[in-house]
PDB file of N, CA and C in Angstrom:
ATOM      1  N   MET A   1      57.034 104.003  -2.305  1.00  0.00           N
ATOM      2  CA  MET A   1      55.801 103.475  -2.877  1.00  0.00           C
ATOM      3  C   MET A   1      56.030 102.750  -4.200  1.00  0.00           C
ATOM      4  N   PRO A   2      56.848 103.290  -5.119  1.00  0.00           N
ATOM      5  CA  PRO A   2      57.107 102.552  -6.346  1.00  0.00           C
ATOM      6  C   PRO A   2      57.835 101.209  -6.132  1.00  0.00           C
ATOM      7  N   ALA A   3      58.652 101.142  -5.076  1.00  0.00           N
ATOM      8  CA  ALA A   3      59.347  99.906  -4.778  1.00  0.00           C
ATOM      9  C   ALA A   3      58.371  98.801  -4.365  1.00  0.00           C
ATOM     10  N   ILE A   4      57.363  99.142  -3.587  1.00  0.00           N
ATOM     11  CA  ILE A   4      56.357  98.180  -3.166  1.00  0.00           C
ATOM     12  C   ILE A   4      55.545  97.706  -4.350  1.00  0.00           C
ATOM     13  N   ALA A   5      55.175  98.612  -5.247  1.00  0.00           N
ATOM     14  CA  ALA A   5      54.445  98.236  -6.472  1.00  0.00           C
ATOM     15  C   ALA A   5      55.286  97.328  -7.333  1.00  0.00           C
ATOM     16  N   LEU A   6      56.557  97.602  -7.474  1.00  0.00           N
ATOM     17  CA  LEU A   6      57.426  96.787  -8.288  1.00  0.00           C
ATOM     18  C   LEU A   6      57.599  95.406  -7.684  1.00  0.00           C
ATOM     19  N   LEU A   7      57.794  95.347  -6.400  1.00  0.00           N
ATOM     20  CA  LEU A   7      57.941  94.027  -5.723  1.00  0.00           C
ATOM     21  C   LEU A   7      56.663  93.192  -5.828  1.00  0.00           C
ATOM     22  N   SER A   8      55.509  93.852  -5.698  1.00  0.00           N
ATOM     23  CA  SER A   8      54.249  93.097  -5.794  1.00  0.00           C
ATOM     24  C   SER A   8      54.047  92.612  -7.231  1.00  0.00           C
ATOM     25  N   ALA A   9      54.399  93.419  -8.216  1.00  0.00           N
ATOM     26  CA  ALA A   9      54.274  92.983  -9.602  1.00  0.00           C
ATOM     27  C   ALA A   9      55.195  91.805  -9.899  1.00  0.00           C
ATOM     28  N   VAL A  10      56.410  91.862  -9.403  1.00  0.00           N
ATOM     29  CA  VAL A  10      57.367  90.743  -9.594  1.00  0.00           C
ATOM     30  C   VAL A  10      56.820  89.476  -8.915  1.00  0.00           C
ATOM     31  N   PHE A  11      56.245  89.631  -7.735  1.00  0.00           N
ATOM     32  CA  PHE A  11      55.693  88.464  -7.021  1.00  0.00           C
ATOM     33  C   PHE A  11      54.530  87.854  -7.819  1.00  0.00           C
ATOM     34  N   VAL A  12      53.651  88.692  -8.308  1.00  0.00           N
ATOM     35  CA  VAL A  12      52.470  88.198  -9.067  1.00  0.00           C
ATOM     36  C   VAL A  12      52.887  87.476 -10.321  1.00  0.00           C
ATOM     37  N   VAL A  13      53.831  88.058 -11.055  1.00  0.00           N
ATOM     38  CA  VAL A  13      54.300  87.427 -12.307  1.00  0.00           C
ATOM     39  C   VAL A  13      55.011  86.124 -11.972  1.00  0.00           C
ATOM     40  N   GLY A  14      55.779  86.104 -10.942  1.00  0.00           N
ATOM     41  CA  GLY A  14      56.465  84.866 -10.530  1.00  0.00           C
ATOM     42  C   GLY A  14      55.481  83.796 -10.112  1.00  0.00           C
ATOM     43  N   PHE A  15      54.456  84.160  -9.380  1.00  0.00           N
ATOM     44  CA  PHE A  15      53.450  83.202  -8.964  1.00  0.00           C
ATOM     45  C   PHE A  15      52.669  82.644 -10.140  1.00  0.00           C
ATOM     46  N   GLU A  16      52.360  83.505 -11.096  1.00  0.00           N
ATOM     47  CA  GLU A  16      51.651  83.035 -12.316  1.00  0.00           C
ATOM     48  C   GLU A  16      52.528  82.064 -13.104  1.00  0.00           C
ATOM     49  N   GLN A  17      53.788  82.348 -13.207  1.00  0.00           N
ATOM     50  CA  GLN A  17      54.705  81.438 -13.915  1.00  0.00           C
ATOM     51  C   GLN A  17      54.825  80.113 -13.212  1.00  0.00           C
ATOM     52  N   PHE A  18      54.860  80.148 -11.862  1.00  0.00           N
ATOM     53  CA  PHE A  18      54.913  78.882 -11.089  1.00  0.00           C
ATOM     54  C   PHE A  18      53.666  78.076 -11.298  1.00  0.00           C
ATOM     55  N   VAL A  19      52.497  78.708 -11.259  1.00  0.00           N
ATOM     56  CA  VAL A  19      51.222  77.966 -11.450  1.00  0.00           C
ATOM     57  C   VAL A  19      51.176  77.376 -12.861  1.00  0.00           C
ATOM     58  N   GLN A  20      51.606  78.149 -13.866  1.00  0.00           N
ATOM     59  CA  GLN A  20      51.574  77.604 -15.235  1.00  0.00           C
ATOM     60  C   GLN A  20      52.555  76.434 -15.369  1.00  0.00           C
ATOM     61  N   TRP A  21      53.715  76.557 -14.756  1.00  0.00           N
ATOM     62  CA  TRP A  21      54.709  75.494 -14.852  1.00  0.00           C
ATOM     63  C   TRP A  21      54.219  74.240 -14.147  1.00  0.00           C
ATOM     64  N   LYS A  22      53.599  74.406 -12.990  1.00  0.00           N
ATOM     65  CA  LYS A  22      53.194  73.246 -12.184  1.00  0.00           C
ATOM     66  C   LYS A  22      51.867  72.661 -12.673  1.00  0.00           C
ATOM     67  N   TYR A  23      50.879  73.485 -13.049  1.00  0.00           N
ATOM     68  CA  TYR A  23      49.557  72.976 -13.332  1.00  0.00           C
ATOM     69  C   TYR A  23      49.089  73.253 -14.778  1.00  0.00           C
ATOM     70  N   GLY A  24      49.893  73.865 -15.590  1.00  0.00           N
ATOM     71  CA  GLY A  24      49.572  74.042 -16.993  1.00  0.00           C
ATOM     72  C   GLY A  24      48.514  75.095 -17.261  1.00  0.00           C
ATOM     73  N   THR A  25      47.866  74.968 -18.402  1.00  0.00           N
ATOM     74  CA  THR A  25      46.918  75.952 -18.832  1.00  0.00           C
ATOM     75  C   THR A  25      45.697  76.021 -17.936  1.00  0.00           C
ATOM     76  N   MET A  26      45.209  74.896 -17.439  1.00  0.00           N
ATOM     77  CA  MET A  26      44.054  74.919 -16.559  1.00  0.00           C
ATOM     78  C   MET A  26      44.370  75.661 -15.250  1.00  0.00           C
ATOM     79  N   GLY A  27      45.558  75.568 -14.775  1.00  0.00           N
ATOM     80  CA  GLY A  27      45.930  76.321 -13.579  1.00  0.00           C
ATOM     81  C   GLY A  27      45.881  77.820 -13.789  1.00  0.00           C
ATOM     82  N   ILE A  28      46.339  78.258 -14.968  1.00  0.00           N
ATOM     83  CA  ILE A  28      46.275  79.681 -15.308  1.00  0.00           C
ATOM     84  C   ILE A  28      44.829  80.107 -15.481  1.00  0.00           C
ATOM     85  N   ILE A  29      43.979  79.286 -16.082  1.00  0.00           N
ATOM     86  CA  ILE A  29      42.561  79.609 -16.215  1.00  0.00           C
ATOM     87  C   ILE A  29      41.906  79.764 -14.871  1.00  0.00           C
ATOM     88  N   GLY A  30      42.191  78.829 -13.946  1.00  0.00           N
ATOM     89  CA  GLY A  30      41.647  78.951 -12.602  1.00  0.00           C
ATOM     90  C   GLY A  30      42.084  80.197 -11.893  1.00  0.00           C
ATOM     91  N   LEU A  31      43.362  80.512 -11.996  1.00  0.00           N
ATOM     92  CA  LEU A  31      43.905  81.727 -11.366  1.00  0.00           C
ATOM     93  C   LEU A  31      43.292  82.963 -12.001  1.00  0.00           C
ATOM     94  N   LEU A  32      43.087  82.974 -13.296  1.00  0.00           N
ATOM     95  CA  LEU A  32      42.475  84.083 -13.986  1.00  0.00           C
ATOM     96  C   LEU A  32      41.014  84.274 -13.571  1.00  0.00           C
ATOM     97  N   LEU A  33      40.287  83.153 -13.419  1.00  0.00           N
ATOM     98  CA  LEU A  33      38.880  83.252 -12.950  1.00  0.00           C
ATOM     99  C   LEU A  33      38.800  83.804 -11.521  1.00  0.00           C
ATOM    100  N   ILE A  34      39.703  83.391 -10.652  1.00  0.00           N
ATOM    101  CA  ILE A  34      39.716  83.951  -9.296  1.00  0.00           C
ATOM    102  C   ILE A  34      39.987  85.448  -9.341  1.00  0.00           C
ATOM    103  N   THR A  35      40.991  85.848 -10.117  1.00  0.00           N
ATOM    104  CA  THR A  35      41.334  87.258 -10.205  1.00  0.00           C
ATOM    105  C   THR A  35      40.209  88.076 -10.771  1.00  0.00           C
ATOM    106  N   ILE A  36      39.581  87.625 -11.815  1.00  0.00           N
ATOM    107  CA  ILE A  36      38.447  88.350 -12.426  1.00  0.00           C
ATOM    108  C   ILE A  36      37.309  88.412 -11.439  1.00  0.00           C
ATOM    109  N   GLY A  37      37.005  87.318 -10.759  1.00  0.00           N
ATOM    110  CA  GLY A  37      35.937  87.313  -9.776  1.00  0.00           C
ATOM    111  C   GLY A  37      36.147  88.287  -8.652  1.00  0.00           C
ATOM    112  N   ILE A  38      37.396  88.419  -8.195  1.00  0.00           N
ATOM    113  CA  ILE A  38      37.692  89.364  -7.116  1.00  0.00           C
ATOM    114  C   ILE A  38      37.579  90.787  -7.596  1.00  0.00           C
ATOM    115  N   LYS A  39      38.143  91.068  -8.771  1.00  0.00           N
ATOM    116  CA  LYS A  39      38.087  92.423  -9.320  1.00  0.00           C
ATOM    117  C   LYS A  39      36.658  92.848  -9.672  1.00  0.00           C
ATOM    118  N   ALA A  40      35.840  91.930 -10.199  1.00  0.00           N
ATOM    119  CA  ALA A  40      34.464  92.234 -10.573  1.00  0.00           C
ATOM    120  C   ALA A  40      33.473  92.069  -9.425  1.00  0.00           C
ATOM    121  N   ASN A  41      33.991  91.669  -8.279  1.00  0.00           N
ATOM    122  CA  ASN A  41      33.158  91.409  -7.078  1.00  0.00           C
ATOM    123  C   ASN A  41      32.078  90.377  -7.372  1.00  0.00           C
ATOM    124  N   SER A  42      32.499  89.304  -8.085  1.00  0.00           N
ATOM    125  CA  SER A  42      31.588  88.229  -8.482  1.00  0.00           C
ATOM    126  C   SER A  42      31.967  86.952  -7.732  1.00  0.00           C
ATOM    127  N   PRO A  43      31.163  86.584  -6.749  1.00  0.00           N
ATOM    128  CA  PRO A  43      31.510  85.362  -5.993  1.00  0.00           C
ATOM    129  C   PRO A  43      31.411  84.092  -6.855  1.00  0.00           C
ATOM    130  N   ALA A  44      30.512  84.076  -7.828  1.00  0.00           N
ATOM    131  CA  ALA A  44      30.383  82.889  -8.673  1.00  0.00           C
ATOM    132  C   ALA A  44      31.645  82.636  -9.488  1.00  0.00           C
ATOM    133  N   CYS A  45      32.182  83.687 -10.078  1.00  0.00           N
ATOM    134  CA  CYS A  45      33.379  83.562 -10.923  1.00  0.00           C
ATOM    135  C   CYS A  45      34.605  83.184 -10.078  1.00  0.00           C
ATOM    136  N   SER A  46      34.758  83.770  -8.933  1.00  0.00           N
ATOM    137  CA  SER A  46      35.902  83.450  -8.107  1.00  0.00           C
ATOM    138  C   SER A  46      35.741  82.047  -7.500  1.00  0.00           C
ATOM    139  N   SER A  47      34.526  81.601  -7.243  1.00  0.00           N
ATOM    140  CA  SER A  47      34.318  80.252  -6.733  1.00  0.00           C
ATOM    141  C   SER A  47      34.625  79.210  -7.794  1.00  0.00           C
ATOM    142  N   ILE A  48      34.262  79.469  -9.026  1.00  0.00           N
ATOM    143  CA  ILE A  48      34.583  78.562 -10.120  1.00  0.00           C
ATOM    144  C   ILE A  48      36.116  78.433 -10.263  1.00  0.00           C
ATOM    145  N   GLY A  49      36.793  79.562 -10.208  1.00  0.00           N
ATOM    146  CA  GLY A  49      38.250  79.533 -10.273  1.00  0.00           C
ATOM    147  C   GLY A  49      38.878  78.762  -9.146  1.00  0.00           C
ATOM    148  N   ALA A  50      38.348  78.928  -7.928  1.00  0.00           N
ATOM    149  CA  ALA A  50      38.880  78.223  -6.773  1.00  0.00           C
ATOM    150  C   ALA A  50      38.648  76.711  -6.908  1.00  0.00           C
ATOM    151  N   VAL A  51      37.484  76.323  -7.441  1.00  0.00           N
ATOM    152  CA  VAL A  51      37.189  74.917  -7.640  1.00  0.00           C
ATOM    153  C   VAL A  51      38.139  74.316  -8.687  1.00  0.00           C
ATOM    154  N   VAL A  52      38.386  75.066  -9.759  1.00  0.00           N
ATOM    155  CA  VAL A  52      39.321  74.580 -10.777  1.00  0.00           C
ATOM    156  C   VAL A  52      40.706  74.359 -10.183  1.00  0.00           C
ATOM    157  N   LEU A  53      41.191  75.324  -9.411  1.00  0.00           N
ATOM    158  CA  LEU A  53      42.520  75.165  -8.795  1.00  0.00           C
ATOM    159  C   LEU A  53      42.535  74.050  -7.763  1.00  0.00           C
ATOM    160  N   ALA A  54      41.461  73.897  -7.012  1.00  0.00           N
ATOM    161  CA  ALA A  54      41.413  72.810  -6.020  1.00  0.00           C
ATOM    162  C   ALA A  54      41.405  71.452  -6.720  1.00  0.00           C
ATOM    163  N   LEU A  55      40.726  71.319  -7.811  1.00  0.00           N
ATOM    164  CA  LEU A  55      40.720  70.070  -8.547  1.00  0.00           C
ATOM    165  C   LEU A  55      42.097  69.790  -9.157  1.00  0.00           C
ATOM    166  N   MET A  56      42.779  70.834  -9.592  1.00  0.00           N
ATOM    167  CA  MET A  56      44.113  70.642 -10.144  1.00  0.00           C
ATOM    168  C   MET A  56      45.088  70.182  -9.065  1.00  0.00           C
ATOM    169  N   VAL A  57      44.981  70.728  -7.887  1.00  0.00           N
ATOM    170  CA  VAL A  57      45.871  70.405  -6.802  1.00  0.00           C
ATOM    171  C   VAL A  57      45.568  69.003  -6.244  1.00  0.00           C
ATOM    172  N   ALA A  58      44.289  68.653  -6.179  1.00  0.00           N
ATOM    173  CA  ALA A  58      43.862  67.415  -5.552  1.00  0.00           C
ATOM    174  C   ALA A  58      44.013  66.176  -6.428  1.00  0.00           C
ATOM    175  N   GLN A  59      44.169  66.349  -7.712  1.00  0.00           N
ATOM    176  CA  GLN A  59      44.242  65.177  -8.604  1.00  0.00           C
ATOM    177  C   GLN A  59      45.522  64.431  -8.365  1.00  0.00           C
ATOM    178  N   PRO A  60      45.481  63.121  -8.457  1.00  0.00           N
ATOM    179  CA  PRO A  60      46.698  62.339  -8.217  1.00  0.00           C
ATOM    180  C   PRO A  60      47.694  62.527  -9.375  1.00  0.00           C
ATOM    181  N   ALA A  61      48.932  62.465  -9.090  1.00  0.00           N
ATOM    182  CA  ALA A  61      49.992  62.633 -10.093  1.00  0.00           C
ATOM    183  C   ALA A  61      49.998  61.367 -10.966  1.00  0.00           C
ATOM    184  N   LEU A  62      50.174  61.646 -12.255  1.00  0.00           N
ATOM    185  CA  LEU A  62      50.182  60.530 -13.228  1.00  0.00           C
ATOM    186  C   LEU A  62      51.586  60.123 -13.562  1.00  0.00           C
TER     187      LEU A  62
END
């Protein structure tokens, strides 16, 4: 059981670092809003986070 918790924690931290590297601060804010919305059972908060991430992914590269 502790090994699964450790692996999931490593995966989450790695994913957060990838999002921050790829999409910057707004990507982390979007991911944070999704996480808070899921934990608080708030569809509005998680939807706003999903929209922020979708806009970050869909924008053309400069």
